[in-house]
C-alpha cells in the first residue's frame, strides 16, 4: 500500500469525521449518482434528432459497459484490494464488501460524464463535477482509497477513448450523414439552377 494513498485517505476520512455532517457525505456517496443518471437521461430525452439521441445513448451505454462490466471487473478478478475500512479496521459510514480497485462508481459515472460532453460541454462539466463529489465522498465514508478513484477514472477515460476514436467516432457516424445531406442539397440546388 502506498503511504501517499494511506495519508490522503486518512486526511479525507478524518476531515469527514470532524465536520459532523455524515448524512451529507452518505447522501453524496449513495444518492447523488441517481442525479447523474437522471440528468444524462434527461439530456438524451431533450435531444431532438432521433439519430443523435440513439447515438448518444448507445455511446454512453457501451462506454459504461466496457468501463465497469469488462475492464473494472476483470481487474478486480485478478487484483484483490481490500477496502480501507477493512484494511485499517475502521467503522465506515456505509458498507460495501466487494474489492475496491478500481472504483466501480468512478469507472461508471466518469464514463457517463465523459459521454455527456458529446451532447453538451456545460452539462459534461456539471456531471464531471458531480462525479468528483460522489467519488471523494466515497473516500470520506471509508469505502475507497484515493488510488481506487484514480484507477476508475483512468478506466473510464480509456473506455471513452476506445469508442470515441476507434469504434463509434461521432464525426463518422453523426456528422458524416449531415454532411452528405448538405452535399445532396447543394447538388440539388445546382441541378435546379441549370
C-alpha atoms as a PDB file:
ATOM      1  CA  UNK A   1       0.000   0.000   0.000  1.00  0.00           C
ATOM      2  CA  UNK A   2       1.362   3.398  -0.905  1.00  0.00           C
ATOM      3  CA  UNK A   3       1.955   5.754   2.008  1.00  0.00           C
ATOM      4  CA  UNK A   4       0.561   8.653  -0.051  1.00  0.00           C
ATOM      5  CA  UNK A   5      -2.647   6.677  -0.604  1.00  0.00           C
ATOM      6  CA  UNK A   6      -2.982   5.999   3.129  1.00  0.00           C
ATOM      7  CA  UNK A   7      -2.133   9.595   4.083  1.00  0.00           C
ATOM      8  CA  UNK A   8      -4.634  11.072   1.645  1.00  0.00           C
ATOM      9  CA  UNK A   9      -7.290   8.578   2.740  1.00  0.00           C
ATOM     10  CA  UNK A  10      -6.803   9.440   6.427  1.00  0.00           C
ATOM     11  CA  UNK A  11      -6.855  13.160   5.651  1.00  0.00           C
ATOM     12  CA  UNK A  12     -10.229  12.926   3.866  1.00  0.00           C
ATOM     13  CA  UNK A  13     -11.721  10.337   6.245  1.00  0.00           C
ATOM     14  CA  UNK A  14     -10.747  12.349   9.335  1.00  0.00           C
ATOM     15  CA  UNK A  15     -11.961  15.572   7.713  1.00  0.00           C
ATOM     16  CA  UNK A  16     -15.329  13.932   7.156  1.00  0.00           C
ATOM     17  CA  UNK A  17     -15.452  12.717  10.749  1.00  0.00           C
ATOM     18  CA  UNK A  18     -14.578  16.147  12.140  1.00  0.00           C
ATOM     19  CA  UNK A  19     -17.191  18.047  10.104  1.00  0.00           C
ATOM     20  CA  UNK A  20     -20.070  16.131  11.755  1.00  0.00           C
ATOM     21  CA  UNK A  21     -22.146  16.088   8.552  1.00  0.00           C
ATOM     22  CA  UNK A  22     -22.045  12.352   7.894  1.00  0.00           C
ATOM     23  CA  UNK A  23     -25.548  12.461   6.426  1.00  0.00           C
ATOM     24  CA  UNK A  24     -24.330  14.778   3.648  1.00  0.00           C
ATOM     25  CA  UNK A  25     -21.404  12.546   2.689  1.00  0.00           C
ATOM     26  CA  UNK A  26     -23.666   9.488   2.779  1.00  0.00           C
ATOM     27  CA  UNK A  27     -26.116  11.335   0.513  1.00  0.00           C
ATOM     28  CA  UNK A  28     -23.352  12.313  -1.928  1.00  0.00           C
ATOM     29  CA  UNK A  29     -21.827   8.812  -1.920  1.00  0.00           C
ATOM     30  CA  UNK A  30     -25.100   6.892  -2.214  1.00  0.00           C
ATOM     31  CA  UNK A  31     -27.771   9.114  -3.786  1.00  0.00           C
ATOM     32  CA  UNK A  32     -26.076  11.814  -5.894  1.00  0.00           C
ATOM     33  CA  UNK A  33     -25.289   9.128  -8.518  1.00  0.00           C
ATOM     34  CA  UNK A  34     -29.033   8.991  -9.268  1.00  0.00           C
ATOM     35  CA  UNK A  35     -28.928  12.696 -10.199  1.00  0.00           C
ATOM     36  CA  UNK A  36     -26.105  11.968 -12.637  1.00  0.00           C
ATOM     37  CA  UNK A  37     -28.072   9.159 -14.263  1.00  0.00           C
ATOM     38  CA  UNK A  38     -31.334  11.123 -14.445  1.00  0.00           C
ATOM     39  CA  UNK A  39     -29.576  14.238 -15.783  1.00  0.00           C
ATOM     40  CA  UNK A  40     -27.940  12.216 -18.551  1.00  0.00           C
ATOM     41  CA  UNK A  41     -31.240  10.547 -19.492  1.00  0.00           C
ATOM     42  CA  UNK A  42     -32.972  13.945 -19.499  1.00  0.00           C
ATOM     43  CA  UNK A  43     -30.354  15.302 -21.909  1.00  0.00           C
ATOM     44  CA  UNK A  44     -30.954  12.311 -24.173  1.00  0.00           C
ATOM     45  CA  UNK A  45     -34.710  12.901 -23.975  1.00  0.00           C
ATOM     46  CA  UNK A  46     -34.295  16.602 -24.880  1.00  0.00           C
ATOM     47  CA  UNK A  47     -32.214  15.791 -27.963  1.00  0.00           C
ATOM     48  CA  UNK A  48     -34.486  16.371 -30.960  1.00  0.00           C
ATOM     49  CA  UNK A  49     -32.620  14.420 -33.647  1.00  0.00           C
ATOM     50  CA  UNK A  50     -33.520  10.720 -33.273  1.00  0.00           C
ATOM     51  CA  UNK A  51     -30.237   9.538 -34.817  1.00  0.00           C
ATOM     52  CA  UNK A  52     -28.207  11.669 -32.380  1.00  0.00           C
ATOM     53  CA  UNK A  53     -30.403  10.527 -29.479  1.00  0.00           C
ATOM     54  CA  UNK A  54     -29.748   6.880 -30.333  1.00  0.00           C
ATOM     55  CA  UNK A  55     -26.030   7.537 -30.864  1.00  0.00           C
ATOM     56  CA  UNK A  56     -25.564   9.385 -27.534  1.00  0.00           C
ATOM     57  CA  UNK A  57     -27.456   6.752 -25.585  1.00  0.00           C
ATOM     58  CA  UNK A  58     -25.652   3.833 -27.262  1.00  0.00           C
ATOM     59  CA  UNK A  59     -22.277   5.513 -26.851  1.00  0.00           C
ATOM     60  CA  UNK A  60     -22.789   6.041 -23.094  1.00  0.00           C
ATOM     61  CA  UNK A  61     -24.171   2.541 -22.516  1.00  0.00           C
ATOM     62  CA  UNK A  62     -21.359   0.828 -24.420  1.00  0.00           C
ATOM     63  CA  UNK A  63     -18.686   3.015 -22.800  1.00  0.00           C
ATOM     64  CA  UNK A  64     -20.109   2.264 -19.338  1.00  0.00           C
ATOM     65  CA  UNK A  65     -20.311  -1.478 -20.035  1.00  0.00           C
ATOM     66  CA  UNK A  66     -16.700  -1.561 -21.204  1.00  0.00           C
ATOM     67  CA  UNK A  67     -15.598   0.560 -18.246  1.00  0.00           C
ATOM     68  CA  UNK A  68     -17.497  -1.164 -15.424  1.00  0.00           C
ATOM     69  CA  UNK A  69     -18.503  -4.633 -16.534  1.00  0.00           C
ATOM     70  CA  UNK A  70     -15.468  -5.594 -18.572  1.00  0.00           C
ATOM     71  CA  UNK A  71     -12.350  -3.692 -17.515  1.00  0.00           C
ATOM     72  CA  UNK A  72     -13.144  -2.992 -13.837  1.00  0.00           C
ATOM     73  CA  UNK A  73     -14.460  -6.481 -13.117  1.00  0.00           C
ATOM     74  CA  UNK A  74     -11.527  -8.107 -14.923  1.00  0.00           C
ATOM     75  CA  UNK A  75      -9.044  -6.101 -12.845  1.00  0.00           C
ATOM     76  CA  UNK A  76     -10.929  -6.980  -9.655  1.00  0.00           C
ATOM     77  CA  UNK A  77     -10.881 -10.672 -10.597  1.00  0.00           C
ATOM     78  CA  UNK A  78      -7.074 -10.680 -10.689  1.00  0.00           C
ATOM     79  CA  UNK A  79      -6.228  -7.906  -8.217  1.00  0.00           C
ATOM     80  CA  UNK A  80      -7.800  -8.182  -4.756  1.00  0.00           C
ATOM     81  CA  UNK A  81      -7.547  -4.834  -2.989  1.00  0.00           C
ATOM     82  CA  UNK A  82      -9.228  -4.567   0.416  1.00  0.00           C
ATOM     83  CA  UNK A  83     -11.446  -1.608   1.138  1.00  0.00           C
ATOM     84  CA  UNK A  84      -9.892   0.879   3.572  1.00  0.00           C
ATOM     85  CA  UNK A  85     -12.387   0.296   6.374  1.00  0.00           C
ATOM     86  CA  UNK A  86     -11.463  -3.404   6.307  1.00  0.00           C
ATOM     87  CA  UNK A  87      -7.706  -2.918   5.870  1.00  0.00           C
ATOM     88  CA  UNK A  88      -7.496  -0.260   8.606  1.00  0.00           C
ATOM     89  CA  UNK A  89     -10.205  -1.700  10.883  1.00  0.00           C
ATOM     90  CA  UNK A  90     -12.372   1.437  10.777  1.00  0.00           C
ATOM     91  CA  UNK A  91     -16.112   1.945  11.063  1.00  0.00           C
ATOM     92  CA  UNK A  92     -17.363   3.180   7.693  1.00  0.00           C
ATOM     93  CA  UNK A  93     -20.397   5.392   7.179  1.00  0.00           C
ATOM     94  CA  UNK A  94     -21.655   2.947   4.529  1.00  0.00           C
ATOM     95  CA  UNK A  95     -20.627  -0.636   3.800  1.00  0.00           C
ATOM     96  CA  UNK A  96     -19.502  -2.127   0.506  1.00  0.00           C
ATOM     97  CA  UNK A  97     -17.959  -5.587   0.592  1.00  0.00           C
ATOM     98  CA  UNK A  98     -16.567  -6.109  -2.927  1.00  0.00           C
ATOM     99  CA  UNK A  99     -12.924  -5.494  -3.878  1.00  0.00           C
ATOM    100  CA  UNK A 100     -12.092  -1.814  -4.045  1.00  0.00           C
ATOM    101  CA  UNK A 101      -9.736  -1.326  -7.013  1.00  0.00           C
ATOM    102  CA  UNK A 102     -10.689   0.238  -9.339  1.00  0.00           C
ATOM    103  CA  UNK A 103     -13.757   2.044  -8.051  1.00  0.00           C
ATOM    104  CA  UNK A 104     -16.867   0.894  -9.884  1.00  0.00           C
ATOM    105  CA  UNK A 105     -18.632   4.186  -9.141  1.00  0.00           C
ATOM    106  CA  UNK A 106     -15.685   6.112 -10.534  1.00  0.00           C
ATOM    107  CA  UNK A 107     -15.435   3.917 -13.647  1.00  0.00           C
ATOM    108  CA  UNK A 108     -19.168   4.056 -14.386  1.00  0.00           C
ATOM    109  CA  UNK A 109     -20.026   7.665 -13.584  1.00  0.00           C
ATOM    110  CA  UNK A 110     -16.922   9.187 -15.170  1.00  0.00           C
ATOM    111  CA  UNK A 111     -17.788   7.175 -18.310  1.00  0.00           C
ATOM    112  CA  UNK A 112     -21.288   8.706 -18.262  1.00  0.00           C
ATOM    113  CA  UNK A 113     -19.909  12.198 -17.549  1.00  0.00           C
ATOM    114  CA  UNK A 114     -17.338  11.964 -20.356  1.00  0.00           C
ATOM    115  CA  UNK A 115     -20.073  10.752 -22.736  1.00  0.00           C
ATOM    116  CA  UNK A 116     -22.176  13.781 -21.781  1.00  0.00           C
ATOM    117  CA  UNK A 117     -19.585  16.071 -23.378  1.00  0.00           C
ATOM    118  CA  UNK A 118     -20.814  14.778 -26.749  1.00  0.00           C
ATOM    119  CA  UNK A 119     -24.214  16.333 -26.016  1.00  0.00           C
ATOM    120  CA  UNK A 120     -23.280  19.468 -24.070  1.00  0.00           C
ATOM    121  CA  UNK A 121     -19.977  20.816 -22.773  1.00  0.00           C
ATOM    122  CA  UNK A 122     -21.802  22.666 -19.970  1.00  0.00           C
ATOM    123  CA  UNK A 123     -23.587  19.502 -18.798  1.00  0.00           C
ATOM    124  CA  UNK A 124     -20.435  17.456 -19.313  1.00  0.00           C
ATOM    125  CA  UNK A 125     -18.671  19.680 -16.786  1.00  0.00           C
ATOM    126  CA  UNK A 126     -21.664  19.595 -14.403  1.00  0.00           C
ATOM    127  CA  UNK A 127     -21.774  15.792 -14.442  1.00  0.00           C
ATOM    128  CA  UNK A 128     -17.992  15.538 -14.159  1.00  0.00           C
ATOM    129  CA  UNK A 129     -18.106  17.843 -11.108  1.00  0.00           C
ATOM    130  CA  UNK A 130     -20.960  15.805  -9.629  1.00  0.00           C
ATOM    131  CA  UNK A 131     -18.985  12.609 -10.178  1.00  0.00           C
ATOM    132  CA  UNK A 132     -15.965  14.124  -8.422  1.00  0.00           C
ATOM    133  CA  UNK A 133     -18.207  14.933  -5.423  1.00  0.00           C
ATOM    134  CA  UNK A 134     -19.523  11.347  -5.431  1.00  0.00           C
ATOM    135  CA  UNK A 135     -16.106   9.700  -5.558  1.00  0.00           C
ATOM    136  CA  UNK A 136     -14.493  11.981  -2.968  1.00  0.00           C
ATOM    137  CA  UNK A 137     -17.457  11.277  -0.701  1.00  0.00           C
ATOM    138  CA  UNK A 138     -16.842   7.558  -1.154  1.00  0.00           C
ATOM    139  CA  UNK A 139     -13.332   8.090   0.223  1.00  0.00           C
ATOM    140  CA  UNK A 140     -14.707  10.145   3.128  1.00  0.00           C
ATOM    141  CA  UNK A 141     -17.291   7.474   4.057  1.00  0.00           C
ATOM    142  CA  UNK A 142     -14.489   4.904   4.185  1.00  0.00           C
ATOM    143  CA  UNK A 143     -15.167   2.590   1.234  1.00  0.00           C
ATOM    144  CA  UNK A 144     -12.427   3.660  -1.212  1.00  0.00           C
ATOM    145  CA  UNK A 145      -8.780   4.555  -1.372  1.00  0.00           C
ATOM    146  CA  UNK A 146      -7.812   7.575  -3.478  1.00  0.00           C
ATOM    147  CA  UNK A 147      -5.982   5.204  -5.858  1.00  0.00           C
ATOM    148  CA  UNK A 148      -9.271   3.316  -6.414  1.00  0.00           C
ATOM    149  CA  UNK A 149     -10.887   6.549  -7.583  1.00  0.00           C
ATOM    150  CA  UNK A 150      -7.985   7.463  -9.849  1.00  0.00           C
ATOM    151  CA  UNK A 151      -7.932   3.942 -11.281  1.00  0.00           C
ATOM    152  CA  UNK A 152     -11.676   4.098 -12.023  1.00  0.00           C
ATOM    153  CA  UNK A 153     -11.332   7.491 -13.716  1.00  0.00           C
ATOM    154  CA  UNK A 154      -8.489   6.178 -15.902  1.00  0.00           C
ATOM    155  CA  UNK A 155     -10.546   3.107 -16.850  1.00  0.00           C
ATOM    156  CA  UNK A 156     -13.478   5.405 -17.748  1.00  0.00           C
ATOM    157  CA  UNK A 157     -11.281   7.625 -19.904  1.00  0.00           C
ATOM    158  CA  UNK A 158      -9.751   4.654 -21.713  1.00  0.00           C
ATOM    159  CA  UNK A 159     -13.236   3.244 -22.363  1.00  0.00           C
ATOM    160  CA  UNK A 160     -14.437   6.621 -23.629  1.00  0.00           C
ATOM    161  CA  UNK A 161     -11.382   6.967 -25.892  1.00  0.00           C
ATOM    162  CA  UNK A 162     -11.830   3.465 -27.355  1.00  0.00           C
ATOM    163  CA  UNK A 163     -15.339   4.319 -28.519  1.00  0.00           C
ATOM    164  CA  UNK A 164     -14.704   7.968 -29.383  1.00  0.00           C
ATOM    165  CA  UNK A 165     -11.591   7.433 -31.502  1.00  0.00           C
ATOM    166  CA  UNK A 166     -11.995   3.876 -32.834  1.00  0.00           C
ATOM    167  CA  UNK A 167     -15.352   2.153 -32.511  1.00  0.00           C
ATOM    168  CA  UNK A 168     -18.014   4.891 -32.648  1.00  0.00           C
ATOM    169  CA  UNK A 169     -16.379   8.162 -33.702  1.00  0.00           C
ATOM    170  CA  UNK A 170     -19.095  10.840 -33.841  1.00  0.00           C
ATOM    171  CA  UNK A 171     -17.672  12.555 -36.919  1.00  0.00           C
ATOM    172  CA  UNK A 172     -18.103   9.347 -38.926  1.00  0.00           C
ATOM    173  CA  UNK A 173     -21.490   8.328 -37.547  1.00  0.00           C
ATOM    174  CA  UNK A 174     -23.441  11.515 -36.861  1.00  0.00           C
ATOM    175  CA  UNK A 175     -21.760  14.252 -38.796  1.00  0.00           C
ATOM    176  CA  UNK A 176     -20.934  12.278 -41.939  1.00  0.00           C
ATOM    177  CA  UNK A 177     -24.657  11.821 -42.667  1.00  0.00           C
ATOM    178  CA  UNK A 178     -25.283  15.541 -42.004  1.00  0.00           C
ATOM    179  CA  UNK A 179     -22.509  16.434 -44.463  1.00  0.00           C
ATOM    180  CA  UNK A 180     -23.971  14.057 -47.056  1.00  0.00           C
ATOM    181  CA  UNK A 181     -27.367  15.746 -46.655  1.00  0.00           C
ATOM    182  CA  UNK A 182     -25.745  19.177 -47.137  1.00  0.00           C
ATOM    183  CA  UNK A 183     -23.851  17.923 -50.195  1.00  0.00           C
ATOM    184  CA  UNK A 184     -27.058  16.439 -51.625  1.00  0.00           C
ATOM    185  CA  UNK A 185     -28.933  19.705 -51.085  1.00  0.00           C
ATOM    186  CA  UNK A 186     -26.088  21.621 -52.803  1.00  0.00           C
ATOM    187  CA  UNK A 187     -26.201  19.197 -55.744  1.00  0.00           C
ATOM    188  CA  UNK A 188     -29.973  19.587 -55.935  1.00  0.00           C
ATOM    189  CA  UNK A 189     -29.621  23.393 -55.944  1.00  0.00           C
ATOM    190  CA  UNK A 190     -27.039  23.202 -58.752  1.00  0.00           C
ATOM    191  CA  UNK A 191     -29.307  20.960 -60.798  1.00  0.00           C
ATOM    192  CA  UNK A 192     -32.262  23.320 -60.285  1.00  0.00           C
ATOM    193  CA  UNK A 193     -30.129  26.309 -61.402  1.00  0.00           C
ATOM    194  CA  UNK A 194     -29.330  24.603 -64.702  1.00  0.00           C
END
